[in-house]
Structures are given as structure tokens and as C-alpha cells.
Amino acid sequence: MSATADISPNTIIELVRETVLPDLPADFGAEADFFESGLDSMGVMQLVMFLEERFSKKVEPTELSRANFRNGSTLAALVNGKAA
């Protein structure tokens, strides 16, 4: 974990909504599947670029998996587990 405050799943959901899935419902939960809501490989790449710029944390090619980008909880865990 980083020395800064962890990023919450809800923050991740808002960032996903702002960058790649603007039509996510307001009640989209931390465990709801981004892919079932329309996230595709191009969206993942847009999201990676945004996250790397926003949080100054590099997403490695080996981390580009459906499991890591499945929902707000898994993506928050990925971002929070990276050193700044």
C-alpha cells in the first residue's frame, strides 16, 4: 500500500464513468462488472492511460487482465497495490 490514502472502489467507478462508460447507472456497485456494462479492450487501454496519468502509477502489461479490470473493487486493489 502507498503512504497516501487508498483509492476507494466508488472513486474508481466515478473515474470509469468519466473516462469510458458515461452511461453507468448511479447505483452501479463496487462488485458490478464493467465488462457486462460495455467495457471493452479499447476502453481498458483508455482507462490505463488515464489511471497512469492521474495517479502516476504504471500498469504493467502482465496486469492487463479481465480479473484486474472487472469491477471497482478489483481495479481499486490494483491501483492501491502499486507504488507511486
PDB file of N, CA and C in Angstrom:
ATOM      1  N   MET A   1       0.834  -1.185   0.000  1.00  0.00           N
ATOM      2  CA  MET A   1       0.000   0.000   0.000  1.00  0.00           C
ATOM      3  C   MET A   1       0.878   1.248   0.000  1.00  0.00           C
ATOM      4  N   SER A   2       0.347   2.283  -0.531  1.00  0.00           N
ATOM      5  CA  SER A   2       1.097   3.527  -0.580  1.00  0.00           C
ATOM      6  C   SER A   2       0.902   4.306   0.716  1.00  0.00           C
ATOM      7  N   ALA A   3       1.732   5.309   0.891  1.00  0.00           N
ATOM      8  CA  ALA A   3       1.626   6.139   2.088  1.00  0.00           C
ATOM      9  C   ALA A   3       0.430   7.085   1.999  1.00  0.00           C
ATOM     10  N   THR A   4      -0.061   7.320   0.802  1.00  0.00           N
ATOM     11  CA  THR A   4      -1.227   8.187   0.635  1.00  0.00           C
ATOM     12  C   THR A   4      -2.495   7.380   0.865  1.00  0.00           C
ATOM     13  N   ALA A   5      -3.605   8.090   0.958  1.00  0.00           N
ATOM     14  CA  ALA A   5      -4.892   7.428   1.188  1.00  0.00           C
ATOM     15  C   ALA A   5      -5.224   6.497   0.027  1.00  0.00           C
ATOM     16  N   ASP A   6      -5.798   5.361   0.369  1.00  0.00           N
ATOM     17  CA  ASP A   6      -6.213   4.416  -0.658  1.00  0.00           C
ATOM     18  C   ASP A   6      -7.361   4.991  -1.476  1.00  0.00           C
ATOM     19  N   ILE A   7      -7.412   4.579  -2.712  1.00  0.00           N
ATOM     20  CA  ILE A   7      -8.477   4.979  -3.625  1.00  0.00           C
ATOM     21  C   ILE A   7      -9.623   3.996  -3.453  1.00  0.00           C
ATOM     22  N   SER A   8     -10.811   4.502  -3.231  1.00  0.00           N
ATOM     23  CA  SER A   8     -11.961   3.632  -2.973  1.00  0.00           C
ATOM     24  C   SER A   8     -12.545   3.086  -4.275  1.00  0.00           C
ATOM     25  N   PRO A   9     -13.242   1.949  -4.188  1.00  0.00           N
ATOM     26  CA  PRO A   9     -13.949   1.438  -5.367  1.00  0.00           C
ATOM     27  C   PRO A   9     -14.920   2.461  -5.946  1.00  0.00           C
ATOM     28  N   ASN A  10     -15.575   3.238  -5.096  1.00  0.00           N
ATOM     29  CA  ASN A  10     -16.508   4.251  -5.600  1.00  0.00           C
ATOM     30  C   ASN A  10     -15.791   5.340  -6.390  1.00  0.00           C
ATOM     31  N   THR A  11     -14.587   5.699  -5.970  1.00  0.00           N
ATOM     32  CA  THR A  11     -13.793   6.665  -6.732  1.00  0.00           C
ATOM     33  C   THR A  11     -13.436   6.091  -8.094  1.00  0.00           C
ATOM     34  N   ILE A  12     -13.056   4.817  -8.117  1.00  0.00           N
ATOM     35  CA  ILE A  12     -12.741   4.149  -9.383  1.00  0.00           C
ATOM     36  C   ILE A  12     -13.959   4.145 -10.295  1.00  0.00           C
ATOM     37  N   ILE A  13     -15.124   3.838  -9.751  1.00  0.00           N
ATOM     38  CA  ILE A  13     -16.352   3.819 -10.557  1.00  0.00           C
ATOM     39  C   ILE A  13     -16.598   5.192 -11.171  1.00  0.00           C
ATOM     40  N   GLU A  14     -16.414   6.245 -10.396  1.00  0.00           N
ATOM     41  CA  GLU A  14     -16.610   7.601 -10.928  1.00  0.00           C
ATOM     42  C   GLU A  14     -15.611   7.904 -12.040  1.00  0.00           C
ATOM     43  N   LEU A  15     -14.371   7.461 -11.875  1.00  0.00           N
ATOM     44  CA  LEU A  15     -13.358   7.682 -12.906  1.00  0.00           C
ATOM     45  C   LEU A  15     -13.687   6.904 -14.176  1.00  0.00           C
ATOM     46  N   VAL A  16     -14.173   5.680 -14.017  1.00  0.00           N
ATOM     47  CA  VAL A  16     -14.589   4.884 -15.180  1.00  0.00           C
ATOM     48  C   VAL A  16     -15.748   5.580 -15.882  1.00  0.00           C
ATOM     49  N   ARG A  17     -16.677   6.082 -15.113  1.00  0.00           N
ATOM     50  CA  ARG A  17     -17.828   6.802 -15.681  1.00  0.00           C
ATOM     51  C   ARG A  17     -17.355   8.042 -16.456  1.00  0.00           C
ATOM     52  N   GLU A  18     -16.401   8.766 -15.904  1.00  0.00           N
ATOM     53  CA  GLU A  18     -15.891   9.985 -16.545  1.00  0.00           C
ATOM     54  C   GLU A  18     -15.096   9.700 -17.811  1.00  0.00           C
ATOM     55  N   THR A  19     -14.399   8.563 -17.851  1.00  0.00           N
ATOM     56  CA  THR A  19     -13.468   8.317 -18.950  1.00  0.00           C
ATOM     57  C   THR A  19     -13.996   7.401 -20.039  1.00  0.00           C
ATOM     58  N   VAL A  20     -14.664   6.314 -19.695  1.00  0.00           N
ATOM     59  CA  VAL A  20     -15.010   5.328 -20.735  1.00  0.00           C
ATOM     60  C   VAL A  20     -16.448   4.834 -20.724  1.00  0.00           C
ATOM     61  N   LEU A  21     -17.148   4.905 -19.615  1.00  0.00           N
ATOM     62  CA  LEU A  21     -18.522   4.392 -19.550  1.00  0.00           C
ATOM     63  C   LEU A  21     -19.449   5.452 -18.949  1.00  0.00           C
ATOM     64  N   PRO A  22     -19.755   6.494 -19.699  1.00  0.00           N
ATOM     65  CA  PRO A  22     -20.554   7.593 -19.147  1.00  0.00           C
ATOM     66  C   PRO A  22     -21.983   7.205 -18.770  1.00  0.00           C
ATOM     67  N   ASP A  23     -22.472   6.086 -19.276  1.00  0.00           N
ATOM     68  CA  ASP A  23     -23.853   5.685 -19.003  1.00  0.00           C
ATOM     69  C   ASP A  23     -24.002   4.709 -17.838  1.00  0.00           C
ATOM     70  N   LEU A  24     -22.949   4.539 -17.029  1.00  0.00           N
ATOM     71  CA  LEU A  24     -23.089   3.674 -15.854  1.00  0.00           C
ATOM     72  C   LEU A  24     -24.189   4.231 -14.962  1.00  0.00           C
ATOM     73  N   PRO A  25     -25.064   3.366 -14.456  1.00  0.00           N
ATOM     74  CA  PRO A  25     -26.134   3.860 -13.585  1.00  0.00           C
ATOM     75  C   PRO A  25     -25.577   4.436 -12.279  1.00  0.00           C
ATOM     76  N   ALA A  26     -26.332   5.331 -11.687  1.00  0.00           N
ATOM     77  CA  ALA A  26     -25.912   5.977 -10.439  1.00  0.00           C
ATOM     78  C   ALA A  26     -25.702   4.965  -9.323  1.00  0.00           C
ATOM     79  N   ASP A  27     -26.447   3.857  -9.354  1.00  0.00           N
ATOM     80  CA  ASP A  27     -26.342   2.853  -8.292  1.00  0.00           C
ATOM     81  C   ASP A  27     -25.395   1.708  -8.659  1.00  0.00           C
ATOM     82  N   PHE A  28     -24.479   1.935  -9.596  1.00  0.00           N
ATOM     83  CA  PHE A  28     -23.515   0.917 -10.008  1.00  0.00           C
ATOM     84  C   PHE A  28     -22.635   0.577  -8.812  1.00  0.00           C
ATOM     85  N   GLY A  29     -22.642  -0.675  -8.382  1.00  0.00           N
ATOM     86  CA  GLY A  29     -21.933  -1.087  -7.176  1.00  0.00           C
ATOM     87  C   GLY A  29     -20.495  -1.486  -7.406  1.00  0.00           C
ATOM     88  N   ALA A  30     -19.747  -1.576  -6.322  1.00  0.00           N
ATOM     89  CA  ALA A  30     -18.320  -1.889  -6.368  1.00  0.00           C
ATOM     90  C   ALA A  30     -18.029  -3.261  -6.952  1.00  0.00           C
ATOM     91  N   GLU A  31     -19.000  -4.185  -6.876  1.00  0.00           N
ATOM     92  CA  GLU A  31     -18.798  -5.533  -7.398  1.00  0.00           C
ATOM     93  C   GLU A  31     -19.446  -5.744  -8.764  1.00  0.00           C
ATOM     94  N   ALA A  32     -20.123  -4.723  -9.287  1.00  0.00           N
ATOM     95  CA  ALA A  32     -20.766  -4.837 -10.601  1.00  0.00           C
ATOM     96  C   ALA A  32     -19.690  -4.899 -11.688  1.00  0.00           C
ATOM     97  N   ASP A  33     -19.943  -5.682 -12.710  1.00  0.00           N
ATOM     98  CA  ASP A  33     -18.963  -5.980 -13.753  1.00  0.00           C
ATOM     99  C   ASP A  33     -18.916  -4.880 -14.817  1.00  0.00           C
ATOM    100  N   PHE A  34     -17.748  -4.257 -14.972  1.00  0.00           N
ATOM    101  CA  PHE A  34     -17.577  -3.230 -16.002  1.00  0.00           C
ATOM    102  C   PHE A  34     -17.757  -3.811 -17.404  1.00  0.00           C
ATOM    103  N   PHE A  35     -17.282  -5.038 -17.620  1.00  0.00           N
ATOM    104  CA  PHE A  35     -17.364  -5.644 -18.949  1.00  0.00           C
ATOM    105  C   PHE A  35     -18.808  -5.928 -19.344  1.00  0.00           C
ATOM    106  N   GLU A  36     -19.613  -6.347 -18.395  1.00  0.00           N
ATOM    107  CA  GLU A  36     -21.032  -6.568 -18.680  1.00  0.00           C
ATOM    108  C   GLU A  36     -21.747  -5.251 -18.962  1.00  0.00           C
ATOM    109  N   SER A  37     -21.144  -4.146 -18.560  1.00  0.00           N
ATOM    110  CA  SER A  37     -21.728  -2.821 -18.783  1.00  0.00           C
ATOM    111  C   SER A  37     -21.149  -2.126 -20.008  1.00  0.00           C
ATOM    112  N   GLY A  38     -20.320  -2.837 -20.766  1.00  0.00           N
ATOM    113  CA  GLY A  38     -19.831  -2.297 -22.027  1.00  0.00           C
ATOM    114  C   GLY A  38     -18.345  -2.018 -22.128  1.00  0.00           C
ATOM    115  N   LEU A  39     -17.577  -2.243 -21.065  1.00  0.00           N
ATOM    116  CA  LEU A  39     -16.136  -2.017 -21.160  1.00  0.00           C
ATOM    117  C   LEU A  39     -15.542  -3.031 -22.127  1.00  0.00           C
ATOM    118  N   ASP A  40     -14.701  -2.546 -23.045  1.00  0.00           N
ATOM    119  CA  ASP A  40     -14.025  -3.428 -23.989  1.00  0.00           C
ATOM    120  C   ASP A  40     -12.523  -3.145 -23.942  1.00  0.00           C
ATOM    121  N   SER A  41     -11.767  -3.813 -24.812  1.00  0.00           N
ATOM    122  CA  SER A  41     -10.310  -3.680 -24.766  1.00  0.00           C
ATOM    123  C   SER A  41      -9.850  -2.248 -25.037  1.00  0.00           C
ATOM    124  N   MET A  42     -10.520  -1.551 -25.925  1.00  0.00           N
ATOM    125  CA  MET A  42     -10.159  -0.152 -26.177  1.00  0.00           C
ATOM    126  C   MET A  42     -10.434   0.707 -24.940  1.00  0.00           C
ATOM    127  N   GLY A  43     -11.538   0.438 -24.268  1.00  0.00           N
ATOM    128  CA  GLY A  43     -11.859   1.153 -23.041  1.00  0.00           C
ATOM    129  C   GLY A  43     -10.839   0.884 -21.952  1.00  0.00           C
ATOM    130  N   VAL A  44     -10.377  -0.361 -21.867  1.00  0.00           N
ATOM    131  CA  VAL A  44      -9.351  -0.706 -20.881  1.00  0.00           C
ATOM    132  C   VAL A  44      -8.091   0.111 -21.146  1.00  0.00           C
ATOM    133  N   MET A  45      -7.692   0.212 -22.410  1.00  0.00           N
ATOM    134  CA  MET A  45      -6.479   0.965 -22.726  1.00  0.00           C
ATOM    135  C   MET A  45      -6.646   2.454 -22.417  1.00  0.00           C
ATOM    136  N   GLN A  46      -7.817   3.014 -22.702  1.00  0.00           N
ATOM    137  CA  GLN A  46      -8.075   4.412 -22.343  1.00  0.00           C
ATOM    138  C   GLN A  46      -8.003   4.591 -20.830  1.00  0.00           C
ATOM    139  N   LEU A  47      -8.569   3.642 -20.126  1.00  0.00           N
ATOM    140  CA  LEU A  47      -8.576   3.691 -18.670  1.00  0.00           C
ATOM    141  C   LEU A  47      -7.163   3.574 -18.109  1.00  0.00           C
ATOM    142  N   VAL A  48      -6.357   2.690 -18.674  1.00  0.00           N
ATOM    143  CA  VAL A  48      -4.967   2.537 -18.240  1.00  0.00           C
ATOM    144  C   VAL A  48      -4.215   3.859 -18.400  1.00  0.00           C
ATOM    145  N   MET A  49      -4.342   4.479 -19.561  1.00  0.00           N
ATOM    146  CA  MET A  49      -3.649   5.755 -19.792  1.00  0.00           C
ATOM    147  C   MET A  49      -4.111   6.814 -18.793  1.00  0.00           C
ATOM    148  N   PHE A  50      -5.401   6.859 -18.538  1.00  0.00           N
ATOM    149  CA  PHE A  50      -5.937   7.830 -17.589  1.00  0.00           C
ATOM    150  C   PHE A  50      -5.414   7.562 -16.177  1.00  0.00           C
ATOM    151  N   LEU A  51      -5.465   6.304 -15.737  1.00  0.00           N
ATOM    152  CA  LEU A  51      -5.016   5.960 -14.383  1.00  0.00           C
ATOM    153  C   LEU A  51      -3.530   6.243 -14.206  1.00  0.00           C
ATOM    154  N   GLU A  52      -2.727   5.904 -15.229  1.00  0.00           N
ATOM    155  CA  GLU A  52      -1.290   6.153 -15.130  1.00  0.00           C
ATOM    156  C   GLU A  52      -1.003   7.644 -15.002  1.00  0.00           C
ATOM    157  N   GLU A  53      -1.718   8.446 -15.755  1.00  0.00           N
ATOM    158  CA  GLU A  53      -1.511   9.893 -15.682  1.00  0.00           C
ATOM    159  C   GLU A  53      -2.038  10.468 -14.370  1.00  0.00           C
ATOM    160  N   ARG A  54      -3.212  10.055 -13.975  1.00  0.00           N
ATOM    161  CA  ARG A  54      -3.874  10.616 -12.783  1.00  0.00           C
ATOM    162  C   ARG A  54      -3.144  10.254 -11.490  1.00  0.00           C
ATOM    163  N   PHE A  55      -2.692   8.989 -11.386  1.00  0.00           N
ATOM    164  CA  PHE A  55      -2.107   8.515 -10.133  1.00  0.00           C
ATOM    165  C   PHE A  55      -0.603   8.285 -10.208  1.00  0.00           C
ATOM    166  N   SER A  56       0.007   8.553 -11.347  1.00  0.00           N
ATOM    167  CA  SER A  56       1.455   8.362 -11.539  1.00  0.00           C
ATOM    168  C   SER A  56       1.891   6.953 -11.151  1.00  0.00           C
ATOM    169  N   LYS A  57       1.093   5.981 -11.571  1.00  0.00           N
ATOM    170  CA  LYS A  57       1.400   4.579 -11.295  1.00  0.00           C
ATOM    171  C   LYS A  57       1.321   3.808 -12.601  1.00  0.00           C
ATOM    172  N   LYS A  58       2.368   3.065 -12.923  1.00  0.00           N
ATOM    173  CA  LYS A  58       2.442   2.323 -14.179  1.00  0.00           C
ATOM    174  C   LYS A  58       1.702   1.006 -14.061  1.00  0.00           C
ATOM    175  N   VAL A  59       0.834   0.743 -15.024  1.00  0.00           N
ATOM    176  CA  VAL A  59       0.165  -0.551 -15.120  1.00  0.00           C
ATOM    177  C   VAL A  59       0.998  -1.403 -16.070  1.00  0.00           C
ATOM    178  N   GLU A  60       1.505  -2.511 -15.569  1.00  0.00           N
ATOM    179  CA  GLU A  60       2.362  -3.389 -16.358  1.00  0.00           C
ATOM    180  C   GLU A  60       1.523  -4.240 -17.311  1.00  0.00           C
ATOM    181  N   PRO A  61       2.103  -4.638 -18.442  1.00  0.00           N
ATOM    182  CA  PRO A  61       1.366  -5.491 -19.379  1.00  0.00           C
ATOM    183  C   PRO A  61       0.823  -6.769 -18.731  1.00  0.00           C
ATOM    184  N   THR A  62       1.553  -7.316 -17.785  1.00  0.00           N
ATOM    185  CA  THR A  62       1.092  -8.537 -17.111  1.00  0.00           C
ATOM    186  C   THR A  62      -0.126  -8.290 -16.228  1.00  0.00           C
ATOM    187  N   GLU A  63      -0.421  -7.027 -15.932  1.00  0.00           N
ATOM    188  CA  GLU A  63      -1.572  -6.681 -15.094  1.00  0.00           C
ATOM    189  C   GLU A  63      -2.827  -6.381 -15.912  1.00  0.00           C
ATOM    190  N   LEU A  64      -2.696  -6.414 -17.235  1.00  0.00           N
ATOM    191  CA  LEU A  64      -3.829  -6.135 -18.119  1.00  0.00           C
ATOM    192  C   LEU A  64      -4.685  -7.385 -18.272  1.00  0.00           C
ATOM    193  N   SER A  65      -5.413  -7.694 -17.227  1.00  0.00           N
ATOM    194  CA  SER A  65      -6.273  -8.876 -17.244  1.00  0.00           C
ATOM    195  C   SER A  65      -7.705  -8.485 -16.920  1.00  0.00           C
ATOM    196  N   ARG A  66      -8.614  -9.298 -17.401  1.00  0.00           N
ATOM    197  CA  ARG A  66     -10.032  -9.075 -17.108  1.00  0.00           C
ATOM    198  C   ARG A  66     -10.263  -9.079 -15.596  1.00  0.00           C
ATOM    199  N   ALA A  67      -9.547  -9.931 -14.888  1.00  0.00           N
ATOM    200  CA  ALA A  67      -9.716 -10.031 -13.432  1.00  0.00           C
ATOM    201  C   ALA A  67      -9.384  -8.704 -12.737  1.00  0.00           C
ATOM    202  N   ASN A  68      -8.339  -8.016 -13.178  1.00  0.00           N
ATOM    203  CA  ASN A  68      -7.941  -6.752 -12.549  1.00  0.00           C
ATOM    204  C   ASN A  68      -8.867  -5.592 -12.885  1.00  0.00           C
ATOM    205  N   PHE A  69      -9.520  -5.660 -14.039  1.00  0.00           N
ATOM    206  CA  PHE A  69     -10.368  -4.559 -14.504  1.00  0.00           C
ATOM    207  C   PHE A  69     -11.852  -4.900 -14.433  1.00  0.00           C
ATOM    208  N   ARG A  70     -12.206  -5.970 -13.737  1.00  0.00           N
ATOM    209  CA  ARG A  70     -13.580  -6.477 -13.705  1.00  0.00           C
ATOM    210  C   ARG A  70     -14.558  -5.523 -13.042  1.00  0.00           C
ATOM    211  N   ASN A  71     -14.169  -4.929 -11.909  1.00  0.00           N
ATOM    212  CA  ASN A  71     -15.105  -4.059 -11.185  1.00  0.00           C
ATOM    213  C   ASN A  71     -14.342  -3.016 -10.361  1.00  0.00           C
ATOM    214  N   GLY A  72     -15.088  -2.179  -9.673  1.00  0.00           N
ATOM    215  CA  GLY A  72     -14.468  -1.120  -8.882  1.00  0.00           C
ATOM    216  C   GLY A  72     -13.541  -1.641  -7.801  1.00  0.00           C
ATOM    217  N   SER A  73     -13.917  -2.749  -7.187  1.00  0.00           N
ATOM    218  CA  SER A  73     -13.093  -3.314  -6.109  1.00  0.00           C
ATOM    219  C   SER A  73     -11.768  -3.855  -6.628  1.00  0.00           C
ATOM    220  N   THR A  74     -11.812  -4.612  -7.730  1.00  0.00           N
ATOM    221  CA  THR A  74     -10.576  -5.205  -8.246  1.00  0.00           C
ATOM    222  C   THR A  74      -9.647  -4.140  -8.815  1.00  0.00           C
ATOM    223  N   LEU A  75     -10.217  -3.136  -9.451  1.00  0.00           N
ATOM    224  CA  LEU A  75      -9.388  -2.078 -10.026  1.00  0.00           C
ATOM    225  C   LEU A  75      -8.805  -1.183  -8.931  1.00  0.00           C
ATOM    226  N   ALA A  76      -9.567  -0.920  -7.887  1.00  0.00           N
ATOM    227  CA  ALA A  76      -9.037  -0.156  -6.750  1.00  0.00           C
ATOM    228  C   ALA A  76      -7.893  -0.922  -6.092  1.00  0.00           C
ATOM    229  N   ALA A  77      -8.043  -2.234  -5.952  1.00  0.00           N
ATOM    230  CA  ALA A  77      -6.977  -3.048  -5.359  1.00  0.00           C
ATOM    231  C   ALA A  77      -5.710  -2.984  -6.207  1.00  0.00           C
ATOM    232  N   LEU A  78      -5.866  -3.018  -7.523  1.00  0.00           N
ATOM    233  CA  LEU A  78      -4.707  -2.917  -8.412  1.00  0.00           C
ATOM    234  C   LEU A  78      -4.008  -1.570  -8.224  1.00  0.00           C
ATOM    235  N   VAL A  79      -4.759  -0.485  -8.290  1.00  0.00           N
ATOM    236  CA  VAL A  79      -4.172   0.855  -8.165  1.00  0.00           C
ATOM    237  C   VAL A  79      -3.559   1.048  -6.779  1.00  0.00           C
ATOM    238  N   ASN A  80      -4.248   0.609  -5.745  1.00  0.00           N
ATOM    239  CA  ASN A  80      -3.745   0.788  -4.379  1.00  0.00           C
ATOM    240  C   ASN A  80      -2.511  -0.050  -4.097  1.00  0.00           C
ATOM    241  N   GLY A  81      -2.341  -1.141  -4.814  1.00  0.00           N
ATOM    242  CA  GLY A  81      -1.197  -2.013  -4.593  1.00  0.00           C
ATOM    243  C   GLY A  81       0.064  -1.575  -5.314  1.00  0.00           C
ATOM    244  N   LYS A  82      -0.012  -0.499  -6.076  1.00  0.00           N
ATOM    245  CA  LYS A  82       1.123  -0.036  -6.859  1.00  0.00           C
ATOM    246  C   LYS A  82       1.852   1.089  -6.136  1.00  0.00           C
ATOM    247  N   ALA A  83       3.158   1.063  -6.217  1.00  0.00           N
ATOM    248  CA  ALA A  83       3.959   2.151  -5.650  1.00  0.00           C
ATOM    249  C   ALA A  83       3.850   3.375  -6.544  1.00  0.00           C
ATOM    250  N   ALA A  84       3.873   4.530  -5.926  1.00  0.00           N
ATOM    251  CA  ALA A  84       3.799   5.786  -6.708  1.00  0.00           C
ATOM    252  C   ALA A  84       5.115   6.059  -7.386  1.00  0.00           C
TER     253      ALA A  84
END
